[in-house]
Amino acid sequence: MPPTLVHNVSATHDTKVEALAGLLGCLWKNSIVVSEGLFTVGADAFNPREEPTTPEEAFELLCDQLAAFTDNDDGTVSGKASGEDDAGMALLLATSWSLKCIGLHKTVGNETTV
């Protein structure tokens, strides 16, 4: 089966498990916070007939989607059991990529290598 794509980023079983582990580690360390100036871009930005999405609604959607992630009987990890998981996957992959980028910068003596 081909991997799921989230904005052209491959989301295989391995990347999902790695991203979940990274996100859980960040949550346990309280290193993920919601900005006081949180704003959202919803469907109304592209279609004026859509109702605007409030930051509270977007945050609730994200929490609901993250809570839906589960291990399936076939050993895969998915958040689609209760519907879409786009917001949850976006946070998982963003967290995973940010942790990878932070890990790429290593200081050796007075020099930073990438």
Protein backbone atom coordinates (compact mmCIF):
# COMPACT_ATOMS: atom_id res chain seq x y z
CA MET A 1 0.00 0.00 0.00
CA PRO A 2 1.46 3.45 -0.86
CA PRO A 3 2.18 5.78 2.05
CA THR A 4 -0.26 8.53 2.97
CA LEU A 5 0.85 11.96 1.83
CA VAL A 6 0.42 15.07 3.94
CA HIS A 7 1.42 18.09 1.84
CA ASN A 8 3.85 15.91 -0.12
CA VAL A 9 5.42 14.45 3.03
CA SER A 10 5.42 10.69 3.23
CA ALA A 11 3.60 9.35 6.29
CA THR A 12 4.56 5.69 6.58
CA HIS A 13 3.99 3.49 9.61
CA ASP A 14 7.56 4.17 10.75
CA THR A 15 7.26 7.95 10.39
CA LYS A 16 3.94 7.97 12.26
CA VAL A 17 5.34 5.92 15.16
CA GLU A 18 8.45 8.12 15.29
CA ALA A 19 6.33 11.28 15.15
CA LEU A 20 4.00 10.03 17.90
CA ALA A 21 6.97 9.20 20.12
CA GLY A 22 8.45 12.65 19.51
CA LEU A 23 5.14 14.41 20.18
CA LEU A 24 4.54 12.43 23.39
CA GLY A 25 8.06 13.30 24.57
CA CYS A 26 7.43 16.98 23.88
CA LEU A 27 4.08 16.88 25.68
CA TRP A 28 5.61 15.15 28.72
CA LYS A 29 8.32 17.84 28.84
CA ASN A 30 5.72 20.63 28.41
CA SER A 31 7.70 21.86 25.42
CA ILE A 32 4.63 22.41 23.23
CA VAL A 33 2.53 25.43 24.06
CA VAL A 34 -0.36 27.23 22.43
CA SER A 35 0.51 30.79 21.56
CA GLU A 36 -1.57 33.51 23.17
CA GLY A 37 -1.85 35.05 19.71
CA LEU A 38 -3.14 31.82 18.10
CA PHE A 39 -4.93 32.39 14.82
CA THR A 40 -6.45 30.03 12.31
CA VAL A 41 -7.01 29.90 8.60
CA GLY A 42 -10.15 27.96 7.80
CA ALA A 43 -12.16 27.15 4.74
CA ASP A 44 -13.59 30.69 4.86
CA ALA A 45 -10.24 32.01 3.62
CA PHE A 46 -10.88 30.20 0.33
CA ASN A 47 -14.66 30.19 0.19
CA PRO A 48 -16.57 33.23 1.52
CA ARG A 49 -19.69 31.07 2.02
CA GLU A 50 -17.96 29.06 4.75
CA GLU A 51 -18.30 30.03 8.39
CA PRO A 52 -15.07 31.30 9.99
CA THR A 53 -13.21 28.88 12.24
CA THR A 54 -12.34 30.22 15.67
CA PRO A 55 -9.01 29.35 17.31
CA GLU A 56 -10.96 27.49 20.01
CA GLU A 57 -12.70 25.33 17.40
CA ALA A 58 -9.41 24.58 15.63
CA PHE A 59 -7.72 23.67 18.92
CA GLU A 60 -10.64 21.40 19.89
CA LEU A 61 -10.48 19.71 16.48
CA LEU A 62 -6.74 19.13 16.94
CA CYS A 63 -7.25 17.64 20.41
CA ASP A 64 -10.06 15.39 19.17
CA GLN A 65 -7.96 14.16 16.27
CA LEU A 66 -4.90 13.49 18.43
CA ALA A 67 -7.05 11.57 20.93
CA ALA A 68 -8.31 9.37 18.07
CA PHE A 69 -4.86 8.00 17.16
CA THR A 70 -4.71 4.32 17.94
CA ASP A 71 -2.92 1.08 17.17
CA ASN A 72 -4.92 -0.94 14.66
CA ASP A 73 -5.27 -4.72 14.69
CA ASP A 74 -2.92 -4.98 11.71
CA GLY A 75 -0.16 -3.14 13.62
CA THR A 76 -0.57 0.20 11.88
CA VAL A 77 -1.15 3.53 13.61
CA SER A 78 -4.02 5.72 12.45
CA GLY A 79 -6.14 8.63 13.56
CA LYS A 80 -8.86 8.02 10.99
CA ALA A 81 -10.97 5.71 13.18
CA SER A 82 -13.32 8.59 13.97
CA GLY A 83 -12.93 10.59 10.76
CA GLU A 84 -10.21 12.76 9.30
CA ASP A 85 -6.81 13.20 10.95
CA ASP A 86 -5.30 16.07 8.92
CA ALA A 87 -4.79 18.46 11.85
CA GLY A 88 -3.36 15.69 14.03
CA MET A 89 -1.01 14.50 11.28
CA ALA A 90 0.11 18.06 10.62
CA LEU A 91 1.16 18.49 14.27
CA LEU A 92 2.79 15.05 14.36
CA LEU A 93 4.85 15.68 11.25
CA ALA A 94 5.69 19.28 12.17
CA THR A 95 6.92 18.14 15.58
CA SER A 96 8.90 15.30 14.05
CA TRP A 97 10.55 17.55 11.46
CA SER A 98 11.36 20.25 14.02
CA LEU A 99 13.02 17.67 16.27
CA LYS A 100 15.02 16.36 13.29
CA CYS A 101 16.12 19.90 12.37
CA ILE A 102 17.16 20.68 15.93
CA GLY A 103 19.13 17.43 15.96
CA LEU A 104 20.97 18.42 12.79
CA HIS A 105 22.70 21.35 14.48
CA LYS A 106 25.50 20.04 16.64
CA THR A 107 28.04 22.28 18.32
CA VAL A 108 31.60 20.99 18.31
CA GLY A 109 33.95 23.28 20.20
CA ASN A 110 33.19 26.77 18.86
CA GLU A 111 31.81 25.56 15.53
CA THR A 112 28.26 24.65 14.60
CA THR A 113 27.89 21.95 11.97
CA VAL A 114 24.85 21.14 9.92
